[in-house]
Amino acid sequence: MCDATHENEHPGHHDGPVLAKNARPEDFRVVITGKGGVGKTSLAALLSRLLARQSWRVLALDADPQMNLPYALGLPAGEARALVPLSENADYVEEKTGARPGEGWGLFFRLNPDVDDVVERFGVVAPDAVRLLVMGNTVQPAAGCLCPENALLAAVVNAIALRQDEAILMDTQAGFEHFGRALARGFLHAVVVTDPTFNGVQAALHAARLARDLDIGAVHLVVNGVRDHGDFDQAMRRLEKEGHFPFGSIHQVPYDDRLRVCEPSVEPVLSDMGSPLMRAVTGLLATLTGNDIALPESDHAFDPVIRQIAEEWGDKLPCVS
């Protein structure tokens, strides 16, 4: 059973998770999703850089149409602005699929192109040696879903999931529909990010159900931007009211004003590993790498909502960090 804690408990410096001895990078296949504005891109950047600092080879995929992950990782603004997403790289799309994007209806193109070279050709190196690949928008205006660029991106997701000796995180928009079953063939975890709001929880439940339908093995919930225990309690009550979902773990990440002041880069908070924010993210990373942090059983009594969930779920209590 995972134990529950809150951000003001267990103070002190935390150097990050000691990764499980038998953990392999190819076992770390995580897709991060949630409503716009809930902090999923910042979370993806923090997890990527923490993993890299633990000497893992890390590949971060930006599949969100906003394409903010390069900035969050700390790539210089000029270099980030110069990146051309794969969905807009017409020459590469044509090379691999045999059709150029936007040429109209009735195109003949390869649905399963060979894209094994994509990271080596278009990946860039971000701080802490995180490798970054910007995928871009998964749906082009008036193109529908059956188009060369979408075929290319689906092939990229499938091929990347098969890479060896590399931990992979993908920052995406709220739904996975446009990647279809490509995710299910290789991604092992989905991290669904929400804020405490009604809209955030609604989008989180939708994303969680999509991930389950795609047979992604473990779906985790992160309630982000939590200012006090009331925020988290409210999110849990909304979750139960709108439809219970069997999350593999539930985490709360406290609000940290440094992310707002210094956006888009996560660099400022990485320098303070003892902060409540970084301890919470470290706890999430420990869960994803299979090295849960055990906390005292008495912590359950702190929150009646956690106690109620424990009674309903038995020994499948969500791990709240």
Protein backbone atom coordinates (compact mmCIF):
# COMPACT_ATOMS: atom_id res chain seq x y z
CA MET A 1 0.00 0.00 0.00
CA CYS A 2 1.23 3.49 -0.78
CA ASP A 3 0.97 6.00 2.03
CA ALA A 4 -0.34 9.52 1.94
CA THR A 5 1.50 12.71 2.78
CA HIS A 6 1.20 16.43 2.21
CA GLU A 7 3.64 19.05 1.07
CA ASN A 8 4.36 20.49 4.52
CA GLU A 9 5.40 17.18 6.05
CA HIS A 10 8.86 15.56 6.16
CA PRO A 11 10.80 18.83 5.77
CA GLY A 12 14.39 18.97 4.71
CA HIS A 13 16.56 18.46 1.68
CA HIS A 14 15.66 15.66 -0.74
CA ASP A 15 18.30 14.69 -3.28
CA GLY A 16 15.85 12.87 -5.54
CA PRO A 17 14.92 9.23 -5.97
CA VAL A 18 17.37 6.40 -5.85
CA LEU A 19 16.24 4.51 -8.92
CA ALA A 20 15.37 0.86 -8.52
CA LYS A 21 18.35 -1.37 -9.13
CA ASN A 22 16.54 -3.38 -11.78
CA ALA A 23 14.89 -0.38 -13.48
CA ARG A 24 15.65 -0.09 -17.18
CA PRO A 25 15.28 3.08 -19.26
CA GLU A 26 13.14 1.23 -21.79
CA ASP A 27 10.64 0.58 -18.98
CA PHE A 28 10.13 4.32 -18.57
CA ARG A 29 7.57 5.25 -21.24
CA VAL A 30 5.38 8.05 -19.92
CA VAL A 31 2.81 10.25 -21.65
CA ILE A 32 1.75 13.44 -19.84
CA THR A 33 -1.60 15.00 -20.58
CA GLY A 34 -4.17 17.42 -19.17
CA LYS A 35 -6.14 20.57 -19.85
CA GLY A 36 -4.22 23.57 -21.13
CA GLY A 37 -2.76 25.73 -18.39
CA VAL A 38 -2.57 23.11 -15.63
CA GLY A 39 1.24 22.87 -15.73
CA LYS A 40 1.78 19.61 -17.60
CA THR A 41 4.61 21.04 -19.72
CA SER A 42 6.48 22.30 -16.66
CA LEU A 43 6.00 18.90 -15.05
CA ALA A 44 7.29 17.12 -18.16
CA ALA A 45 10.37 19.35 -18.16
CA LEU A 46 11.06 18.77 -14.47
CA LEU A 47 10.71 15.00 -14.76
CA SER A 48 12.94 14.94 -17.85
CA ARG A 49 15.73 16.89 -16.24
CA LEU A 50 15.56 15.02 -12.94
CA LEU A 51 15.85 11.72 -14.79
CA ALA A 52 18.79 13.04 -16.80
CA ARG A 53 20.52 14.11 -13.59
CA GLN A 54 20.21 10.51 -12.44
CA SER A 55 22.37 9.55 -15.46
CA TRP A 56 19.52 8.22 -17.56
CA ARG A 57 19.42 8.89 -21.27
CA VAL A 58 16.23 10.87 -21.72
CA LEU A 59 14.17 11.65 -24.81
CA ALA A 60 11.47 14.28 -24.36
CA LEU A 61 8.75 14.52 -27.03
CA ASP A 62 6.73 17.69 -27.49
CA ALA A 63 3.41 16.62 -29.00
CA ASP A 64 1.43 19.60 -27.71
CA PRO A 65 0.38 22.05 -30.47
CA GLN A 66 1.56 24.93 -28.23
CA MET A 67 5.13 23.57 -28.49
CA ASN A 68 6.32 25.07 -25.20
CA LEU A 69 8.44 22.16 -23.96
CA PRO A 70 11.70 23.49 -25.50
CA TYR A 71 11.33 26.69 -23.49
CA ALA A 72 10.38 24.84 -20.30
CA LEU A 73 13.43 22.59 -20.57
CA GLY A 74 15.60 25.70 -20.69
CA LEU A 75 16.57 25.77 -24.36
CA PRO A 76 17.68 29.31 -25.37
CA ALA A 77 14.73 31.24 -26.77
CA GLY A 78 16.31 31.82 -30.18
CA GLU A 79 17.10 28.14 -30.59
CA ALA A 80 13.62 27.14 -29.42
CA ARG A 81 11.93 29.51 -31.87
CA ALA A 82 14.00 28.12 -34.75
CA LEU A 83 12.78 24.54 -34.25
CA VAL A 84 10.57 23.22 -37.04
CA PRO A 85 8.09 20.62 -35.78
CA LEU A 86 7.89 17.34 -37.66
CA SER A 87 4.29 17.96 -38.70
CA GLU A 88 5.45 21.07 -40.59
CA ASN A 89 8.61 19.54 -42.05
CA ALA A 90 7.12 19.00 -45.49
CA ASP A 91 10.31 17.58 -47.00
CA TYR A 92 10.65 14.91 -44.31
CA VAL A 93 6.94 14.03 -44.46
CA GLU A 94 7.19 13.60 -48.24
CA GLU A 95 10.45 11.65 -48.00
CA LYS A 96 8.95 9.15 -45.57
CA THR A 97 5.33 8.88 -46.70
CA GLY A 98 5.63 9.64 -50.40
CA ALA A 99 3.16 12.55 -50.19
CA ARG A 100 3.53 16.22 -49.38
CA PRO A 101 1.27 17.72 -46.70
CA GLY A 102 -1.59 19.89 -47.89
CA GLU A 103 -1.66 18.68 -51.49
CA GLY A 104 -5.35 17.86 -51.24
CA TRP A 105 -7.67 14.90 -50.93
CA GLY A 106 -7.15 11.52 -52.53
CA LEU A 107 -3.42 11.30 -51.85
CA PHE A 108 -1.67 7.94 -51.92
CA PHE A 109 0.94 7.64 -49.18
CA ARG A 110 2.64 5.11 -46.94
CA LEU A 111 0.77 4.54 -43.69
CA ASN A 112 3.74 2.89 -41.92
CA PRO A 113 6.83 4.82 -42.99
CA ASP A 114 10.30 3.92 -41.70
CA VAL A 115 11.23 6.74 -39.30
CA ASP A 116 14.04 5.12 -37.32
CA ASP A 117 16.31 8.06 -38.18
CA VAL A 118 14.01 10.78 -36.81
CA VAL A 119 15.74 11.40 -33.46
CA GLU A 120 19.22 11.44 -34.92
CA ARG A 121 18.18 13.86 -37.66
CA PHE A 122 15.90 16.22 -35.78
CA GLY A 123 16.50 15.74 -32.07
CA VAL A 124 18.21 18.63 -30.27
CA VAL A 125 20.13 18.57 -27.01
CA ALA A 126 18.58 20.54 -24.14
CA PRO A 127 20.11 21.28 -20.71
CA ASP A 128 21.22 18.26 -18.66
CA ALA A 129 21.70 16.46 -22.01
CA VAL A 130 17.97 15.79 -22.42
CA ARG A 131 17.28 14.95 -26.07
CA LEU A 132 14.24 16.83 -27.40
CA LEU A 133 12.05 16.12 -30.41
CA VAL A 134 9.28 18.56 -31.36
CA MET A 135 6.42 16.81 -33.12
CA GLY A 136 3.94 19.65 -33.56
CA ASN A 137 0.23 19.67 -34.21
CA THR A 138 -1.37 16.28 -34.76
CA VAL A 139 -4.30 17.63 -36.77
CA GLN A 140 -3.91 20.06 -39.67
CA PRO A 141 -6.81 22.38 -40.59
CA ALA A 142 -9.16 20.80 -43.15
CA ALA A 143 -6.85 17.80 -43.46
CA GLY A 144 -8.77 15.33 -41.34
CA CYS A 145 -6.99 12.52 -39.54
CA LEU A 146 -6.00 10.48 -42.59
CA CYS A 147 -3.17 12.60 -43.95
CA PRO A 148 0.58 12.14 -44.52
CA GLU A 149 1.68 14.21 -41.53
CA ASN A 150 -0.54 12.28 -39.11
CA ALA A 151 0.66 8.97 -40.55
CA LEU A 152 4.22 10.16 -40.01
CA LEU A 153 3.62 11.23 -36.40
CA ALA A 154 1.88 7.97 -35.51
CA ALA A 155 4.84 6.07 -36.98
CA VAL A 156 7.25 8.23 -34.97
CA VAL A 157 5.43 7.48 -31.70
CA ASN A 158 5.48 3.77 -32.46
CA ALA A 159 9.15 3.72 -33.46
CA ILE A 160 10.31 5.80 -30.51
CA ALA A 161 8.55 3.55 -28.02
CA LEU A 162 10.77 0.69 -29.25
CA ARG A 163 14.06 2.51 -28.66
CA GLN A 164 16.43 0.86 -26.20
CA ASP A 165 18.39 2.34 -23.27
CA GLU A 166 16.36 5.53 -23.29
CA ALA A 167 13.69 6.91 -20.96
CA ILE A 168 10.90 8.62 -22.90
CA LEU A 169 8.41 11.27 -21.83
CA MET A 170 5.79 12.77 -24.13
CA ASP A 171 4.03 16.05 -23.41
CA THR A 172 0.74 16.03 -25.26
CA GLN A 173 -2.63 17.74 -25.42
CA ALA A 174 -5.68 16.57 -23.49
CA GLY A 175 -6.61 13.71 -25.83
CA PHE A 176 -4.65 10.86 -27.38
CA GLU A 177 -7.15 10.10 -30.13
CA HIS A 178 -4.97 11.21 -33.02
CA PHE A 179 -2.18 8.80 -32.11
CA GLY A 180 -4.60 5.89 -31.76
CA ARG A 181 -3.12 2.55 -30.82
CA ALA A 182 0.45 3.68 -31.42
CA LEU A 183 0.59 4.74 -27.76
CA ALA A 184 -0.66 1.41 -26.50
CA ARG A 185 2.14 -0.46 -28.24
CA GLY A 186 4.84 1.11 -26.14
CA PHE A 187 3.83 3.67 -23.51
CA LEU A 188 3.51 2.16 -20.05
CA HIS A 189 2.31 5.10 -17.94
CA ALA A 190 -0.01 8.07 -18.43
CA VAL A 191 0.33 11.02 -16.05
CA VAL A 192 -2.89 13.04 -16.10
CA VAL A 193 -2.40 16.56 -14.75
CA THR A 194 -5.17 18.75 -13.38
CA ASP A 195 -5.59 21.83 -11.24
CA PRO A 196 -8.24 21.83 -8.50
CA THR A 197 -10.88 23.37 -10.80
CA PHE A 198 -14.02 21.70 -12.12
CA ASN A 199 -12.87 22.04 -15.75
CA GLY A 200 -9.47 20.63 -14.94
CA VAL A 201 -10.92 17.57 -13.23
CA GLN A 202 -13.36 17.01 -16.10
CA ALA A 203 -10.53 17.06 -18.66
CA ALA A 204 -8.43 14.80 -16.44
CA LEU A 205 -11.14 12.16 -16.22
CA HIS A 206 -11.65 12.28 -19.99
CA ALA A 207 -7.91 11.83 -20.59
CA ALA A 208 -7.70 9.04 -18.02
CA ARG A 209 -10.49 7.10 -19.69
CA LEU A 210 -8.86 7.51 -23.08
CA ALA A 211 -5.60 6.19 -21.68
CA ARG A 212 -7.40 3.20 -20.22
CA ASP A 213 -9.14 2.54 -23.54
CA LEU A 214 -5.72 2.51 -25.18
CA ASP A 215 -4.58 -0.13 -22.69
CA ILE A 216 -1.87 2.05 -21.17
CA GLY A 217 -0.86 0.03 -18.14
CA ALA A 218 -0.91 2.60 -15.33
CA VAL A 219 -2.74 5.93 -15.19
CA HIS A 220 -1.61 8.41 -12.52
CA LEU A 221 -3.26 11.63 -11.40
CA VAL A 222 -1.38 14.80 -10.46
CA VAL A 223 -3.29 17.64 -8.83
CA ASN A 224 -1.03 20.59 -9.60
CA GLY A 225 -0.86 24.13 -8.23
CA VAL A 226 -2.22 23.15 -4.81
CA ARG A 227 -2.12 26.17 -2.48
CA ASP A 228 -3.54 24.46 0.63
CA HIS A 229 -5.18 21.23 1.74
CA GLY A 230 -8.58 22.64 0.80
CA ASP A 231 -7.54 22.78 -2.86
CA PHE A 232 -6.62 19.12 -2.88
CA ASP A 233 -9.72 18.08 -0.94
CA GLN A 234 -11.88 19.97 -3.44
CA ALA A 235 -10.24 18.21 -6.37
CA MET A 236 -10.78 14.80 -4.72
CA ARG A 237 -14.44 15.53 -4.05
CA ARG A 238 -14.96 16.64 -7.65
CA LEU A 239 -13.21 13.51 -8.84
CA GLU A 240 -15.57 11.30 -6.87
CA LYS A 241 -18.65 13.31 -7.84
CA GLU A 242 -17.89 13.25 -11.57
CA GLY A 243 -17.10 9.57 -11.71
CA HIS A 244 -14.58 7.48 -9.82
CA PHE A 245 -11.52 6.32 -11.79
CA PRO A 246 -9.04 3.68 -10.55
CA PHE A 247 -5.87 5.76 -10.76
CA GLY A 248 -2.68 3.85 -10.09
CA SER A 249 -1.52 6.70 -7.86
CA ILE A 250 -2.63 10.21 -6.94
CA HIS A 251 -0.17 13.03 -6.23
CA GLN A 252 -0.48 16.65 -5.21
CA VAL A 253 2.10 19.21 -6.32
CA PRO A 254 2.10 22.50 -4.42
CA TYR A 255 1.97 25.92 -6.04
CA ASP A 256 5.36 27.61 -6.41
CA ASP A 257 5.35 31.23 -7.50
CA ARG A 258 8.83 30.90 -9.00
CA LEU A 259 7.39 28.99 -11.93
CA ARG A 260 5.11 31.94 -12.69
CA VAL A 261 7.78 34.61 -12.24
CA CYS A 262 10.46 32.82 -14.26
CA GLU A 263 8.33 31.08 -16.86
CA PRO A 264 8.69 29.38 -19.19
CA SER A 265 11.92 27.77 -17.92
CA VAL A 266 11.85 25.42 -14.92
CA GLU A 267 15.49 26.23 -14.14
CA PRO A 268 14.80 28.33 -11.00
CA VAL A 269 12.98 25.57 -9.12
CA LEU A 270 15.56 22.92 -10.04
CA SER A 271 18.12 24.76 -7.92
CA ASP A 272 16.08 24.12 -4.75
CA MET A 273 15.59 20.39 -4.42
CA GLY A 274 14.39 20.77 -0.84
CA SER A 275 11.36 22.87 -1.81
CA PRO A 276 7.86 21.39 -1.39
CA LEU A 277 7.42 21.50 -5.18
CA MET A 278 10.57 19.54 -5.95
CA ARG A 279 9.94 17.01 -3.18
CA ALA A 280 6.50 16.37 -4.66
CA VAL A 281 7.87 15.96 -8.20
CA THR A 282 10.59 13.70 -6.85
CA GLY A 283 7.92 11.54 -5.23
CA LEU A 284 6.06 11.26 -8.53
CA LEU A 285 9.27 10.27 -10.29
CA ALA A 286 9.91 7.61 -7.66
CA THR A 287 6.47 6.15 -8.33
CA LEU A 288 7.03 6.12 -12.09
CA THR A 289 10.40 4.41 -11.73
CA GLY A 290 8.99 1.75 -9.44
CA ASN A 291 10.65 2.99 -6.28
CA ASP A 292 7.78 4.25 -4.09
CA ILE A 293 8.67 6.25 -1.02
CA ALA A 294 7.17 4.66 2.09
CA LEU A 295 5.68 7.08 4.62
CA PRO A 296 4.24 6.50 8.09
CA GLU A 297 0.84 4.84 8.22
CA SER A 298 -0.37 7.53 10.63
CA ASP A 299 -0.30 10.08 7.82
CA HIS A 300 -3.60 8.64 6.55
CA ALA A 301 -5.46 10.15 9.48
CA PHE A 302 -4.60 13.68 8.36
CA ASP A 303 -7.30 14.00 5.73
CA PRO A 304 -10.87 12.62 5.84
CA VAL A 305 -10.96 12.48 2.04
CA ILE A 306 -7.87 10.25 1.97
CA ARG A 307 -9.40 8.13 4.74
CA GLN A 308 -12.61 7.72 2.72
CA ILE A 309 -10.67 6.69 -0.40
CA ALA A 310 -8.69 4.20 1.70
CA GLU A 311 -11.89 2.63 2.97
CA GLU A 312 -13.32 2.34 -0.55
CA TRP A 313 -10.16 1.10 -2.25
CA GLY A 314 -8.71 -1.11 0.48
CA ASP A 315 -5.05 -1.86 -0.13
CA LYS A 316 -5.09 -0.03 -3.50
CA LEU A 317 -4.85 3.32 -1.77
CA PRO A 318 -3.61 6.08 -4.11
CA CYS A 319 -0.12 7.27 -3.32
CA VAL A 320 -0.43 10.99 -2.58
CA SER A 321 2.78 12.98 -2.47
